[in-house]
Amino acid sequence: MNWEIRPLRPGDGGELARLHRRAILATPLQYYTAEQLQSWAGGLRPEGYSVAPGGHFDIAAARDVVAFCDQAGGEVRGLYVDPDWHGRGI
């Protein structure tokens, strides 16, 4: 399936929150406890996704959002890939 990289758009928050939650909960338990993962995934809300001042927010999208990356000040602040897309070149 083809995908494109595009900037954050108004209305993307719901898809980003779902993807973010799935990516966090797919993290192997050898790195964090289940309680930590649940805590991080539990508070995600659509309105929480925006471009930081001086930042850039990229989204990889096929039919749905499959990954996103938040950058600011020359630093990657977050990179999340839908678990169904792991190993597919995103």
C-alpha atoms as a PDB file:
ATOM      1  CA  MET A   1       0.000   0.000   0.000  1.00  0.00           C
ATOM      2  CA  ASN A   2       1.262   3.485  -0.833  1.00  0.00           C
ATOM      3  CA  TRP A   3       1.580   6.167   1.812  1.00  0.00           C
ATOM      4  CA  GLU A   4       2.497   9.847   1.902  1.00  0.00           C
ATOM      5  CA  ILE A   5       4.141  12.156   4.410  1.00  0.00           C
ATOM      6  CA  ARG A   6       2.121  15.282   5.106  1.00  0.00           C
ATOM      7  CA  PRO A   7       1.812  17.948   7.796  1.00  0.00           C
ATOM      8  CA  LEU A   8      -0.649  17.809  10.685  1.00  0.00           C
ATOM      9  CA  ARG A   9      -4.157  18.897   9.684  1.00  0.00           C
ATOM     10  CA  PRO A  10      -7.032  20.121  11.813  1.00  0.00           C
ATOM     11  CA  GLY A  11      -9.130  17.118  12.700  1.00  0.00           C
ATOM     12  CA  ASP A  12      -6.234  14.614  12.821  1.00  0.00           C
ATOM     13  CA  GLY A  13      -6.279  14.432  16.627  1.00  0.00           C
ATOM     14  CA  GLY A  14      -8.677  11.506  16.942  1.00  0.00           C
ATOM     15  CA  GLU A  15      -6.663   9.267  14.625  1.00  0.00           C
ATOM     16  CA  LEU A  16      -3.406  10.344  16.269  1.00  0.00           C
ATOM     17  CA  ALA A  17      -4.700   9.546  19.757  1.00  0.00           C
ATOM     18  CA  ARG A  18      -5.810   6.063  18.615  1.00  0.00           C
ATOM     19  CA  LEU A  19      -2.490   5.364  16.870  1.00  0.00           C
ATOM     20  CA  HIS A  20      -0.481   6.736  19.813  1.00  0.00           C
ATOM     21  CA  ARG A  21      -2.410   4.508  22.251  1.00  0.00           C
ATOM     22  CA  ARG A  22      -1.901   1.396  20.066  1.00  0.00           C
ATOM     23  CA  ALA A  23       1.817   2.106  19.664  1.00  0.00           C
ATOM     24  CA  ILE A  24       2.347   2.576  23.401  1.00  0.00           C
ATOM     25  CA  LEU A  25       0.423  -0.569  24.323  1.00  0.00           C
ATOM     26  CA  ALA A  26       2.412  -2.623  21.759  1.00  0.00           C
ATOM     27  CA  THR A  27       5.673  -1.836  23.583  1.00  0.00           C
ATOM     28  CA  PRO A  28       7.219  -5.070  24.930  1.00  0.00           C
ATOM     29  CA  LEU A  29       6.886  -5.455  28.690  1.00  0.00           C
ATOM     30  CA  GLN A  30      10.640  -5.999  28.997  1.00  0.00           C
ATOM     31  CA  TYR A  31      11.046  -2.208  28.757  1.00  0.00           C
ATOM     32  CA  TYR A  32       8.206  -0.888  30.930  1.00  0.00           C
ATOM     33  CA  THR A  33       5.554  -2.308  33.217  1.00  0.00           C
ATOM     34  CA  ALA A  34       1.986  -2.805  32.054  1.00  0.00           C
ATOM     35  CA  GLU A  35       0.941  -0.170  34.595  1.00  0.00           C
ATOM     36  CA  GLN A  36       3.329   2.386  33.077  1.00  0.00           C
ATOM     37  CA  LEU A  37       2.073   1.710  29.566  1.00  0.00           C
ATOM     38  CA  GLN A  38      -1.567   1.937  30.648  1.00  0.00           C
ATOM     39  CA  SER A  39      -0.824   5.208  32.434  1.00  0.00           C
ATOM     40  CA  TRP A  40       0.801   6.773  29.366  1.00  0.00           C
ATOM     41  CA  ALA A  41      -1.875   5.517  26.976  1.00  0.00           C
ATOM     42  CA  GLY A  42      -4.828   6.393  29.184  1.00  0.00           C
ATOM     43  CA  GLY A  43      -4.628  10.186  29.109  1.00  0.00           C
ATOM     44  CA  LEU A  44      -4.373  10.747  25.350  1.00  0.00           C
ATOM     45  CA  ARG A  45      -6.975  13.141  23.922  1.00  0.00           C
ATOM     46  CA  PRO A  46      -7.510  14.372  20.339  1.00  0.00           C
ATOM     47  CA  GLU A  47      -7.019  18.011  21.385  1.00  0.00           C
ATOM     48  CA  GLY A  48      -3.531  17.189  22.706  1.00  0.00           C
ATOM     49  CA  TYR A  49      -1.929  17.049  19.247  1.00  0.00           C
ATOM     50  CA  SER A  50      -0.594  20.300  17.844  1.00  0.00           C
ATOM     51  CA  VAL A  51       2.563  21.810  16.402  1.00  0.00           C
ATOM     52  CA  ALA A  52       4.857  23.308  19.043  1.00  0.00           C
ATOM     53  CA  PRO A  53       6.185  26.825  18.381  1.00  0.00           C
ATOM     54  CA  GLY A  54       9.137  26.448  16.026  1.00  0.00           C
ATOM     55  CA  GLY A  55       8.248  22.795  15.547  1.00  0.00           C
ATOM     56  CA  HIS A  56       7.125  20.526  12.783  1.00  0.00           C
ATOM     57  CA  PHE A  57       4.630  17.659  12.963  1.00  0.00           C
ATOM     58  CA  ASP A  58       4.784  15.071  10.156  1.00  0.00           C
ATOM     59  CA  ILE A  59       2.227  12.368   9.524  1.00  0.00           C
ATOM     60  CA  ALA A  60       2.601   9.282   7.351  1.00  0.00           C
ATOM     61  CA  ALA A  61      -0.783   8.410   5.944  1.00  0.00           C
ATOM     62  CA  ALA A  62      -2.178   5.723   3.699  1.00  0.00           C
ATOM     63  CA  ARG A  63      -5.959   5.516   3.928  1.00  0.00           C
ATOM     64  CA  ASP A  64      -5.563   6.230   7.666  1.00  0.00           C
ATOM     65  CA  VAL A  65      -2.740   7.737   9.690  1.00  0.00           C
ATOM     66  CA  VAL A  66      -0.040   5.069  10.104  1.00  0.00           C
ATOM     67  CA  ALA A  67       2.726   7.041  11.858  1.00  0.00           C
ATOM     68  CA  PHE A  68       3.587  10.469  13.201  1.00  0.00           C
ATOM     69  CA  CYS A  69       6.663  12.389  14.254  1.00  0.00           C
ATOM     70  CA  ASP A  70       6.783  15.558  16.356  1.00  0.00           C
ATOM     71  CA  GLN A  71       9.920  17.712  16.031  1.00  0.00           C
ATOM     72  CA  ALA A  72      11.005  20.980  17.632  1.00  0.00           C
ATOM     73  CA  GLY A  73      14.336  22.741  17.979  1.00  0.00           C
ATOM     74  CA  GLY A  74      16.084  20.207  15.749  1.00  0.00           C
ATOM     75  CA  GLU A  75      15.041  17.361  18.065  1.00  0.00           C
ATOM     76  CA  VAL A  76      12.595  14.516  17.536  1.00  0.00           C
ATOM     77  CA  ARG A  77      10.183  14.679  20.463  1.00  0.00           C
ATOM     78  CA  GLY A  78       8.099  11.671  19.512  1.00  0.00           C
ATOM     79  CA  LEU A  79       7.911   9.035  16.786  1.00  0.00           C
ATOM     80  CA  TYR A  80       5.066   6.538  16.807  1.00  0.00           C
ATOM     81  CA  VAL A  81       4.177   3.892  14.209  1.00  0.00           C
ATOM     82  CA  ASP A  82       0.972   1.867  14.180  1.00  0.00           C
ATOM     83  CA  PRO A  83       1.926  -1.687  15.231  1.00  0.00           C
ATOM     84  CA  ASP A  84       0.243  -3.065  12.085  1.00  0.00           C
ATOM     85  CA  TRP A  85       2.795  -1.098  10.063  1.00  0.00           C
ATOM     86  CA  HIS A  86       5.964  -2.199  11.865  1.00  0.00           C
ATOM     87  CA  GLY A  87       8.530  -3.570   9.409  1.00  0.00           C
ATOM     88  CA  ARG A  88       6.832  -2.054   6.360  1.00  0.00           C
ATOM     89  CA  GLY A  89       9.265   0.791   5.651  1.00  0.00           C
ATOM     90  CA  ILE A  90       7.522   3.701   7.331  1.00  0.00           C
END
